[in-house]
Amino acid sequence: MTEIVSALLGYLLGSVPFGLVLVRLAGLGDIRAIGSGNIGATNVLRTGRKDLALATLILDSGKGAIAALAALYATGSTEAMLAAAFFAVLGHNFPVWLGFKGGKGVATTLGALLATSWPVGLAAALTWLVTALLFRISSLSALVALALSPAFAWYFATPAHAAMAAGLAVIGFIRHRANIARLLKGEEPRIGSKKKG
């Protein structure tokens, strides 16, 4: 029962669309009408507002971390923590407030990984950073980090952590299917580019 409640609360927290809220509060309109239409930090960066993109990154990561840590604090259960973390990412990807049309969950996944096992989250973040520095393509960096995160979790944490990371990786790859198609065609935009909708 604690896992179910933790999952539900994690989902609701994950559903808060911080990128959409911040861009609207800044008077820049609907982020879903800009660039890729995503509500995440990478697309917020296409508004030209690095401060909003950074804030979105922190808040989206934070909701994954807070969901996990709150569940652990309230229940003392690792299973409840992992459930809350997993469903926080689902909430970001499929938010009830936006007709289940959300982001791709990369930042929220990172926050979830950091909170459930900081070595796993750190390894995934460093993987993203190194790949981004080498190729300057956000989606490629995310895909590499997502693909390696189950191995990091298996090595640094537990099989349960690895199973959660694997589930998030599968969801992440599904959400990035359009990006994968553009990567294969060499058409994926680089970090900082202002892609027109």
C-alpha atoms as a PDB file:
ATOM      1  CA  MET A   1       0.000   0.000   0.000  1.00  0.00           C
ATOM      2  CA  THR A   2       2.845   2.411   0.799  1.00  0.00           C
ATOM      3  CA  GLU A   3       4.298   1.795  -2.656  1.00  0.00           C
ATOM      4  CA  ILE A   4       0.953   2.654  -4.296  1.00  0.00           C
ATOM      5  CA  VAL A   5       0.542   5.875  -2.322  1.00  0.00           C
ATOM      6  CA  SER A   6       4.174   6.840  -2.971  1.00  0.00           C
ATOM      7  CA  ALA A   7       3.736   6.174  -6.681  1.00  0.00           C
ATOM      8  CA  LEU A   8       0.577   8.302  -6.833  1.00  0.00           C
ATOM      9  CA  LEU A   9       2.133  11.239  -4.978  1.00  0.00           C
ATOM     10  CA  GLY A  10       5.300  10.907  -7.052  1.00  0.00           C
ATOM     11  CA  TYR A  11       3.229  11.035 -10.231  1.00  0.00           C
ATOM     12  CA  LEU A  12       1.343  14.139  -9.130  1.00  0.00           C
ATOM     13  CA  LEU A  13       4.557  15.946  -8.192  1.00  0.00           C
ATOM     14  CA  GLY A  14       6.213  14.900 -11.432  1.00  0.00           C
ATOM     15  CA  SER A  15       3.234  16.241 -13.367  1.00  0.00           C
ATOM     16  CA  VAL A  16       3.955  19.866 -12.422  1.00  0.00           C
ATOM     17  CA  PRO A  17       5.127  21.455 -15.745  1.00  0.00           C
ATOM     18  CA  PHE A  18       7.744  23.896 -14.470  1.00  0.00           C
ATOM     19  CA  GLY A  19       9.062  24.796 -17.937  1.00  0.00           C
ATOM     20  CA  LEU A  20       5.590  25.767 -19.116  1.00  0.00           C
ATOM     21  CA  VAL A  21       4.890  27.781 -15.960  1.00  0.00           C
ATOM     22  CA  LEU A  22       8.208  29.659 -15.961  1.00  0.00           C
ATOM     23  CA  VAL A  23       8.048  30.608 -19.642  1.00  0.00           C
ATOM     24  CA  ARG A  24       4.486  31.882 -19.254  1.00  0.00           C
ATOM     25  CA  LEU A  25       5.360  33.858 -16.129  1.00  0.00           C
ATOM     26  CA  ALA A  26       8.209  35.446 -18.089  1.00  0.00           C
ATOM     27  CA  GLY A  27       5.719  36.631 -20.712  1.00  0.00           C
ATOM     28  CA  LEU A  28       7.165  34.452 -23.476  1.00  0.00           C
ATOM     29  CA  GLY A  29       4.000  32.563 -24.312  1.00  0.00           C
ATOM     30  CA  ASP A  30       3.459  28.813 -24.450  1.00  0.00           C
ATOM     31  CA  ILE A  31       6.698  26.794 -24.563  1.00  0.00           C
ATOM     32  CA  ARG A  32       4.790  24.094 -26.445  1.00  0.00           C
ATOM     33  CA  ALA A  33       4.618  26.492 -29.428  1.00  0.00           C
ATOM     34  CA  ILE A  34       8.394  27.027 -29.433  1.00  0.00           C
ATOM     35  CA  GLY A  35      11.097  24.812 -30.933  1.00  0.00           C
ATOM     36  CA  SER A  36      10.413  21.137 -30.363  1.00  0.00           C
ATOM     37  CA  GLY A  37       7.298  21.865 -28.325  1.00  0.00           C
ATOM     38  CA  ASN A  38       8.847  20.111 -25.332  1.00  0.00           C
ATOM     39  CA  ILE A  39       8.320  21.506 -21.807  1.00  0.00           C
ATOM     40  CA  GLY A  40      11.859  20.656 -20.667  1.00  0.00           C
ATOM     41  CA  ALA A  41      14.999  22.715 -20.117  1.00  0.00           C
ATOM     42  CA  THR A  42      16.531  22.104 -23.556  1.00  0.00           C
ATOM     43  CA  ASN A  43      13.531  23.621 -25.301  1.00  0.00           C
ATOM     44  CA  VAL A  44      13.255  26.431 -22.757  1.00  0.00           C
ATOM     45  CA  LEU A  45      16.828  27.322 -23.715  1.00  0.00           C
ATOM     46  CA  ARG A  46      15.558  27.999 -27.248  1.00  0.00           C
ATOM     47  CA  THR A  47      13.700  31.019 -25.902  1.00  0.00           C
ATOM     48  CA  GLY A  48      17.106  32.627 -25.397  1.00  0.00           C
ATOM     49  CA  ARG A  49      16.603  32.750 -21.623  1.00  0.00           C
ATOM     50  CA  LYS A  50      19.409  30.736 -20.043  1.00  0.00           C
ATOM     51  CA  ASP A  51      18.155  31.633 -16.574  1.00  0.00           C
ATOM     52  CA  LEU A  52      14.756  30.094 -17.291  1.00  0.00           C
ATOM     53  CA  ALA A  53      16.376  27.002 -18.775  1.00  0.00           C
ATOM     54  CA  LEU A  54      18.565  26.580 -15.688  1.00  0.00           C
ATOM     55  CA  ALA A  55      15.605  27.083 -13.377  1.00  0.00           C
ATOM     56  CA  THR A  56      13.609  24.508 -15.343  1.00  0.00           C
ATOM     57  CA  LEU A  57      16.492  22.038 -15.150  1.00  0.00           C
ATOM     58  CA  ILE A  58      16.794  22.466 -11.384  1.00  0.00           C
ATOM     59  CA  LEU A  59      13.055  22.265 -10.727  1.00  0.00           C
ATOM     60  CA  ASP A  60      12.474  19.292 -13.031  1.00  0.00           C
ATOM     61  CA  SER A  61      15.401  17.450 -11.454  1.00  0.00           C
ATOM     62  CA  GLY A  62      14.209  18.494  -8.026  1.00  0.00           C
ATOM     63  CA  LYS A  63      10.745  17.004  -8.378  1.00  0.00           C
ATOM     64  CA  GLY A  64      12.227  13.585  -9.145  1.00  0.00           C
ATOM     65  CA  ALA A  65      14.565  13.858  -6.173  1.00  0.00           C
ATOM     66  CA  ILE A  66      11.955  15.248  -3.761  1.00  0.00           C
ATOM     67  CA  ALA A  67       9.435  12.551  -4.672  1.00  0.00           C
ATOM     68  CA  ALA A  68      11.992   9.833  -3.925  1.00  0.00           C
ATOM     69  CA  LEU A  69      13.346  11.351  -0.714  1.00  0.00           C
ATOM     70  CA  ALA A  70       9.889  12.220   0.640  1.00  0.00           C
ATOM     71  CA  ALA A  71       8.733   8.642   0.102  1.00  0.00           C
ATOM     72  CA  LEU A  72      11.830   7.271   1.822  1.00  0.00           C
ATOM     73  CA  TYR A  73      11.446   9.665   4.752  1.00  0.00           C
ATOM     74  CA  ALA A  74       7.740   8.920   5.168  1.00  0.00           C
ATOM     75  CA  THR A  75       7.922   5.152   4.844  1.00  0.00           C
ATOM     76  CA  GLY A  76      11.524   4.069   5.368  1.00  0.00           C
ATOM     77  CA  SER A  77      10.987   1.779   2.407  1.00  0.00           C
ATOM     78  CA  THR A  78      13.411   1.519  -0.502  1.00  0.00           C
ATOM     79  CA  GLU A  79      10.625   0.073  -2.640  1.00  0.00           C
ATOM     80  CA  ALA A  80       8.394   3.075  -1.930  1.00  0.00           C
ATOM     81  CA  MET A  81      11.278   5.411  -2.759  1.00  0.00           C
ATOM     82  CA  LEU A  82      11.922   3.697  -6.090  1.00  0.00           C
ATOM     83  CA  ALA A  83       8.196   3.694  -6.919  1.00  0.00           C
ATOM     84  CA  ALA A  84       7.879   7.408  -6.183  1.00  0.00           C
ATOM     85  CA  ALA A  85      10.970   8.191  -8.253  1.00  0.00           C
ATOM     86  CA  PHE A  86       9.788   6.110 -11.215  1.00  0.00           C
ATOM     87  CA  PHE A  87       6.297   7.597 -11.210  1.00  0.00           C
ATOM     88  CA  ALA A  88       7.625  11.142 -10.854  1.00  0.00           C
ATOM     89  CA  VAL A  89       9.304  10.640 -14.226  1.00  0.00           C
ATOM     90  CA  LEU A  90       6.081   9.192 -15.649  1.00  0.00           C
ATOM     91  CA  GLY A  91       4.275  12.258 -14.324  1.00  0.00           C
ATOM     92  CA  HIS A  92       6.668  14.576 -16.137  1.00  0.00           C
ATOM     93  CA  ASN A  93       6.327  12.597 -19.364  1.00  0.00           C
ATOM     94  CA  PHE A  94       2.556  12.158 -19.143  1.00  0.00           C
ATOM     95  CA  PRO A  95       1.172  14.958 -16.903  1.00  0.00           C
ATOM     96  CA  VAL A  96      -2.499  14.780 -16.088  1.00  0.00           C
ATOM     97  CA  TRP A  97      -2.709  18.605 -16.170  1.00  0.00           C
ATOM     98  CA  LEU A  98      -1.607  18.756 -19.829  1.00  0.00           C
ATOM     99  CA  GLY A  99      -3.674  15.944 -21.279  1.00  0.00           C
ATOM    100  CA  PHE A 100      -0.821  13.471 -20.683  1.00  0.00           C
ATOM    101  CA  LYS A 101       1.412  15.323 -23.152  1.00  0.00           C
ATOM    102  CA  GLY A 102       4.611  16.271 -21.331  1.00  0.00           C
ATOM    103  CA  GLY A 103       8.358  16.232 -21.663  1.00  0.00           C
ATOM    104  CA  LYS A 104      10.932  13.512 -22.115  1.00  0.00           C
ATOM    105  CA  GLY A 105      11.913  13.169 -18.484  1.00  0.00           C
ATOM    106  CA  VAL A 106      15.692  13.484 -18.714  1.00  0.00           C
ATOM    107  CA  ALA A 107      16.145  16.022 -15.911  1.00  0.00           C
ATOM    108  CA  THR A 108      13.533  14.322 -13.739  1.00  0.00           C
ATOM    109  CA  THR A 109      15.250  10.977 -14.319  1.00  0.00           C
ATOM    110  CA  LEU A 110      18.561  12.509 -13.279  1.00  0.00           C
ATOM    111  CA  GLY A 111      17.019  13.842 -10.063  1.00  0.00           C
ATOM    112  CA  ALA A 112      15.430  10.465  -9.382  1.00  0.00           C
ATOM    113  CA  LEU A 113      18.734   8.646  -9.903  1.00  0.00           C
ATOM    114  CA  LEU A 114      20.641  11.087  -7.703  1.00  0.00           C
ATOM    115  CA  ALA A 115      18.138  10.755  -4.873  1.00  0.00           C
ATOM    116  CA  THR A 116      17.804   6.973  -4.981  1.00  0.00           C
ATOM    117  CA  SER A 117      21.572   6.377  -5.279  1.00  0.00           C
ATOM    118  CA  TRP A 118      23.840   9.394  -5.665  1.00  0.00           C
ATOM    119  CA  PRO A 119      26.746   7.446  -7.262  1.00  0.00           C
ATOM    120  CA  VAL A 120      24.370   6.253  -9.984  1.00  0.00           C
ATOM    121  CA  GLY A 121      23.033   9.761 -10.549  1.00  0.00           C
ATOM    122  CA  LEU A 122      26.524  11.240 -10.577  1.00  0.00           C
ATOM    123  CA  ALA A 123      27.744   8.673 -13.090  1.00  0.00           C
ATOM    124  CA  ALA A 124      24.749   9.355 -15.342  1.00  0.00           C
ATOM    125  CA  ALA A 125      25.237  13.131 -15.054  1.00  0.00           C
ATOM    126  CA  LEU A 126      28.932  12.853 -15.910  1.00  0.00           C
ATOM    127  CA  THR A 127      28.068  10.639 -18.879  1.00  0.00           C
ATOM    128  CA  TRP A 128      25.614  13.265 -20.113  1.00  0.00           C
ATOM    129  CA  LEU A 129      28.147  16.046 -19.616  1.00  0.00           C
ATOM    130  CA  VAL A 130      31.032  14.304 -21.386  1.00  0.00           C
ATOM    131  CA  THR A 131      28.820  13.320 -24.323  1.00  0.00           C
ATOM    132  CA  ALA A 132      27.415  16.853 -24.534  1.00  0.00           C
ATOM    133  CA  LEU A 133      30.895  18.379 -24.528  1.00  0.00           C
ATOM    134  CA  LEU A 134      31.994  16.023 -27.290  1.00  0.00           C
ATOM    135  CA  PHE A 135      28.957  16.239 -29.567  1.00  0.00           C
ATOM    136  CA  ARG A 136      26.870  19.217 -28.333  1.00  0.00           C
ATOM    137  CA  ILE A 137      23.644  17.298 -28.924  1.00  0.00           C
ATOM    138  CA  SER A 138      21.345  17.114 -25.908  1.00  0.00           C
ATOM    139  CA  SER A 139      19.277  14.153 -27.062  1.00  0.00           C
ATOM    140  CA  LEU A 140      22.347  12.038 -27.839  1.00  0.00           C
ATOM    141  CA  SER A 141      23.797  12.866 -24.424  1.00  0.00           C
ATOM    142  CA  ALA A 142      20.526  11.856 -22.764  1.00  0.00           C
ATOM    143  CA  LEU A 143      20.278   8.605 -24.697  1.00  0.00           C
ATOM    144  CA  VAL A 144      23.831   7.572 -23.823  1.00  0.00           C
ATOM    145  CA  ALA A 145      23.280   8.414 -20.143  1.00  0.00           C
ATOM    146  CA  LEU A 146      19.949   6.569 -20.089  1.00  0.00           C
ATOM    147  CA  ALA A 147      21.441   3.509 -21.783  1.00  0.00           C
ATOM    148  CA  LEU A 148      24.278   3.261 -19.273  1.00  0.00           C
ATOM    149  CA  SER A 149      22.284   4.069 -16.139  1.00  0.00           C
ATOM    150  CA  PRO A 150      21.076   0.470 -15.517  1.00  0.00           C
ATOM    151  CA  ALA A 151      24.690  -0.711 -15.595  1.00  0.00           C
ATOM    152  CA  PHE A 152      25.671   2.066 -13.192  1.00  0.00           C
ATOM    153  CA  ALA A 153      22.791   1.089 -10.903  1.00  0.00           C
ATOM    154  CA  TRP A 154      23.724  -2.591 -11.020  1.00  0.00           C
ATOM    155  CA  TYR A 155      27.317  -1.770 -10.078  1.00  0.00           C
ATOM    156  CA  PHE A 156      26.773   0.987  -7.496  1.00  0.00           C
ATOM    157  CA  ALA A 157      23.376   0.079  -6.025  1.00  0.00           C
ATOM    158  CA  THR A 158      21.022  -2.913  -6.104  1.00  0.00           C
ATOM    159  CA  PRO A 159      19.126  -5.002  -8.671  1.00  0.00           C
ATOM    160  CA  ALA A 160      15.969  -3.086  -7.716  1.00  0.00           C
ATOM    161  CA  HIS A 161      17.687   0.206  -8.547  1.00  0.00           C
ATOM    162  CA  ALA A 162      18.908  -1.307 -11.814  1.00  0.00           C
ATOM    163  CA  ALA A 163      15.381  -2.436 -12.698  1.00  0.00           C
ATOM    164  CA  MET A 164      14.043   1.073 -12.088  1.00  0.00           C
ATOM    165  CA  ALA A 165      16.842   2.593 -14.176  1.00  0.00           C
ATOM    166  CA  ALA A 166      16.174   0.103 -16.973  1.00  0.00           C
ATOM    167  CA  GLY A 167      12.476   0.979 -16.953  1.00  0.00           C
ATOM    168  CA  LEU A 168      13.272   4.682 -17.118  1.00  0.00           C
ATOM    169  CA  ALA A 169      15.751   4.048 -19.937  1.00  0.00           C
ATOM    170  CA  VAL A 170      13.101   2.224 -21.984  1.00  0.00           C
ATOM    171  CA  ILE A 171      10.608   5.048 -21.451  1.00  0.00           C
ATOM    172  CA  GLY A 172      13.288   7.605 -22.281  1.00  0.00           C
ATOM    173  CA  PHE A 173      14.164   5.903 -25.556  1.00  0.00           C
ATOM    174  CA  ILE A 174      10.488   5.691 -26.525  1.00  0.00           C
ATOM    175  CA  ARG A 175      10.031   9.404 -25.762  1.00  0.00           C
ATOM    176  CA  HIS A 176      13.132  10.194 -27.860  1.00  0.00           C
ATOM    177  CA  ARG A 177      12.083   8.188 -30.916  1.00  0.00           C
ATOM    178  CA  ALA A 178      11.742  11.317 -33.084  1.00  0.00           C
ATOM    179  CA  ASN A 179      15.160  12.491 -31.893  1.00  0.00           C
ATOM    180  CA  ILE A 180      16.645   9.098 -32.741  1.00  0.00           C
ATOM    181  CA  ALA A 181      15.252   9.368 -36.268  1.00  0.00           C
ATOM    182  CA  ARG A 182      16.815  12.836 -36.668  1.00  0.00           C
ATOM    183  CA  LEU A 183      20.115  11.621 -35.222  1.00  0.00           C
ATOM    184  CA  LEU A 184      20.241   8.853 -37.805  1.00  0.00           C
ATOM    185  CA  LYS A 185      19.642  11.463 -40.535  1.00  0.00           C
ATOM    186  CA  GLY A 186      22.175  13.905 -39.074  1.00  0.00           C
ATOM    187  CA  GLU A 187      19.431  16.498 -38.578  1.00  0.00           C
ATOM    188  CA  GLU A 188      19.288  16.782 -34.779  1.00  0.00           C
ATOM    189  CA  PRO A 189      19.853  20.385 -33.581  1.00  0.00           C
ATOM    190  CA  ARG A 190      22.795  21.185 -31.335  1.00  0.00           C
ATOM    191  CA  ILE A 191      22.604  22.602 -27.839  1.00  0.00           C
ATOM    192  CA  GLY A 192      21.773  26.303 -27.847  1.00  0.00           C
ATOM    193  CA  SER A 193      20.304  26.396 -31.343  1.00  0.00           C
ATOM    194  CA  LYS A 194      16.970  28.153 -31.798  1.00  0.00           C
ATOM    195  CA  LYS A 195      14.963  25.596 -33.669  1.00  0.00           C
ATOM    196  CA  LYS A 196      11.827  27.011 -35.240  1.00  0.00           C
ATOM    197  CA  GLY A 197       8.580  25.210 -34.641  1.00  0.00           C
END
